[in-house]
Amino acid sequence: MDLHKHIFNNIIKVKISPNSSQNKIKEENELLKVYVKAPLEKGKANGELIRFFKKELKLQVIIISGEKARTKLLKVL
């Protein structure tokens, strides 16, 4: 999967799916869907999302929109 086609002005739009059996990323309907093991409580899924991008995809990101929503905008640093 080519992530670079989803990055516009250093911004990536993702939809998060918590409580998954494994951390993974898929392209669905031209949107990146990120499955994380962590639950949606106390920012655990957000932290897992950021760690997943850093460790598996070698991208450092921060959440700029959607802190408490499933659809998020991430800025690539």
C-alpha atoms as a PDB file:
ATOM      1  CA  MET A   1       0.000   0.000   0.000  1.00  0.00           C
ATOM      2  CA  ASP A   2       1.306   3.430  -0.921  1.00  0.00           C
ATOM      3  CA  LEU A   3       0.624   5.744   2.023  1.00  0.00           C
ATOM      4  CA  HIS A   4       2.039   8.746   0.212  1.00  0.00           C
ATOM      5  CA  LYS A   5      -1.058   9.037  -1.967  1.00  0.00           C
ATOM      6  CA  HIS A   6      -3.052   9.642   1.243  1.00  0.00           C
ATOM      7  CA  ILE A   7      -0.795  12.443   2.496  1.00  0.00           C
ATOM      8  CA  PHE A   8      -1.857  15.952   1.432  1.00  0.00           C
ATOM      9  CA  ASN A   9       0.095  18.926   2.813  1.00  0.00           C
ATOM     10  CA  ASN A  10       1.521  16.571   5.472  1.00  0.00           C
ATOM     11  CA  ILE A  11      -2.021  15.630   6.600  1.00  0.00           C
ATOM     12  CA  ILE A  12      -3.480  12.105   6.647  1.00  0.00           C
ATOM     13  CA  LYS A  13      -7.162  11.386   7.236  1.00  0.00           C
ATOM     14  CA  VAL A  14      -7.778   8.072   9.003  1.00  0.00           C
ATOM     15  CA  LYS A  15     -10.655   6.214  10.567  1.00  0.00           C
ATOM     16  CA  ILE A  16      -9.769   4.259  13.680  1.00  0.00           C
ATOM     17  CA  SER A  17     -11.281   0.942  14.709  1.00  0.00           C
ATOM     18  CA  PRO A  18     -10.465   0.125  18.354  1.00  0.00           C
ATOM     19  CA  ASN A  19     -10.547  -3.234  20.159  1.00  0.00           C
ATOM     20  CA  SER A  20      -9.171  -5.118  17.154  1.00  0.00           C
ATOM     21  CA  SER A  21      -7.349  -8.423  17.393  1.00  0.00           C
ATOM     22  CA  GLN A  22      -4.212  -6.849  15.894  1.00  0.00           C
ATOM     23  CA  ASN A  23      -2.807  -3.502  14.836  1.00  0.00           C
ATOM     24  CA  LYS A  24      -3.052  -3.072  11.064  1.00  0.00           C
ATOM     25  CA  ILE A  25      -3.918  -0.576   8.373  1.00  0.00           C
ATOM     26  CA  LYS A  26      -6.182  -1.064   5.349  1.00  0.00           C
ATOM     27  CA  GLU A  27      -7.389   1.096   2.520  1.00  0.00           C
ATOM     28  CA  GLU A  28     -11.188   1.159   2.372  1.00  0.00           C
ATOM     29  CA  ASN A  29     -13.117   3.418  -0.003  1.00  0.00           C
ATOM     30  CA  GLU A  30     -10.036   5.609  -0.523  1.00  0.00           C
ATOM     31  CA  LEU A  31      -9.782   6.171   3.231  1.00  0.00           C
ATOM     32  CA  LEU A  32      -7.174   4.665   5.518  1.00  0.00           C
ATOM     33  CA  LYS A  33      -8.720   2.530   8.226  1.00  0.00           C
ATOM     34  CA  VAL A  34      -6.442   1.777  11.136  1.00  0.00           C
ATOM     35  CA  TYR A  35      -7.262  -1.137  13.415  1.00  0.00           C
ATOM     36  CA  VAL A  36      -5.756  -0.909  16.901  1.00  0.00           C
ATOM     37  CA  LYS A  37      -5.888  -3.323  19.823  1.00  0.00           C
ATOM     38  CA  ALA A  38      -6.419  -0.594  22.419  1.00  0.00           C
ATOM     39  CA  PRO A  39      -9.900   0.385  23.622  1.00  0.00           C
ATOM     40  CA  LEU A  40     -11.487   3.813  23.177  1.00  0.00           C
ATOM     41  CA  GLU A  41     -10.937   4.956  26.744  1.00  0.00           C
ATOM     42  CA  LYS A  42      -8.697   7.588  28.276  1.00  0.00           C
ATOM     43  CA  GLY A  43      -6.844   8.160  24.984  1.00  0.00           C
ATOM     44  CA  LYS A  44      -5.464   4.620  24.809  1.00  0.00           C
ATOM     45  CA  ALA A  45      -6.517   4.112  21.180  1.00  0.00           C
ATOM     46  CA  ASN A  46      -5.006   7.484  20.212  1.00  0.00           C
ATOM     47  CA  GLY A  47      -1.695   6.557  21.825  1.00  0.00           C
ATOM     48  CA  GLU A  48      -1.707   3.176  20.114  1.00  0.00           C
ATOM     49  CA  LEU A  49      -2.432   4.878  16.768  1.00  0.00           C
ATOM     50  CA  ILE A  50       0.556   7.222  17.132  1.00  0.00           C
ATOM     51  CA  ARG A  51       2.855   4.378  18.236  1.00  0.00           C
ATOM     52  CA  PHE A  52       1.692   2.220  15.310  1.00  0.00           C
ATOM     53  CA  PHE A  53       2.538   4.927  12.778  1.00  0.00           C
ATOM     54  CA  LYS A  54       5.947   5.486  14.370  1.00  0.00           C
ATOM     55  CA  LYS A  55       6.976   1.842  14.805  1.00  0.00           C
ATOM     56  CA  GLU A  56       5.433   0.075  11.805  1.00  0.00           C
ATOM     57  CA  LEU A  57       5.240   2.847   9.217  1.00  0.00           C
ATOM     58  CA  LYS A  58       8.258   4.928  10.315  1.00  0.00           C
ATOM     59  CA  LEU A  59       6.147   8.102  10.373  1.00  0.00           C
ATOM     60  CA  GLN A  60       5.971  10.479  13.306  1.00  0.00           C
ATOM     61  CA  VAL A  61       2.454  11.913  13.538  1.00  0.00           C
ATOM     62  CA  ILE A  62       0.326  14.004  15.868  1.00  0.00           C
ATOM     63  CA  ILE A  63      -3.456  14.195  16.031  1.00  0.00           C
ATOM     64  CA  ILE A  64      -4.620  17.633  14.930  1.00  0.00           C
ATOM     65  CA  SER A  65      -8.358  16.915  14.745  1.00  0.00           C
ATOM     66  CA  GLY A  66     -10.682  14.199  16.030  1.00  0.00           C
ATOM     67  CA  GLU A  67      -9.172  13.553  19.473  1.00  0.00           C
ATOM     68  CA  LYS A  68     -12.504  12.084  20.610  1.00  0.00           C
ATOM     69  CA  ALA A  69     -13.828  10.901  17.245  1.00  0.00           C
ATOM     70  CA  ARG A  70     -13.136   7.814  15.157  1.00  0.00           C
ATOM     71  CA  THR A  71     -12.213   9.889  12.099  1.00  0.00           C
ATOM     72  CA  LYS A  72      -8.985  11.782  12.711  1.00  0.00           C
ATOM     73  CA  LEU A  73      -6.625  14.124  10.931  1.00  0.00           C
ATOM     74  CA  LEU A  74      -2.975  13.353  11.540  1.00  0.00           C
ATOM     75  CA  LYS A  75      -0.091  15.684  10.778  1.00  0.00           C
ATOM     76  CA  VAL A  76       3.108  14.047   9.606  1.00  0.00           C
ATOM     77  CA  LEU A  77       6.082  15.678  11.323  1.00  0.00           C
END
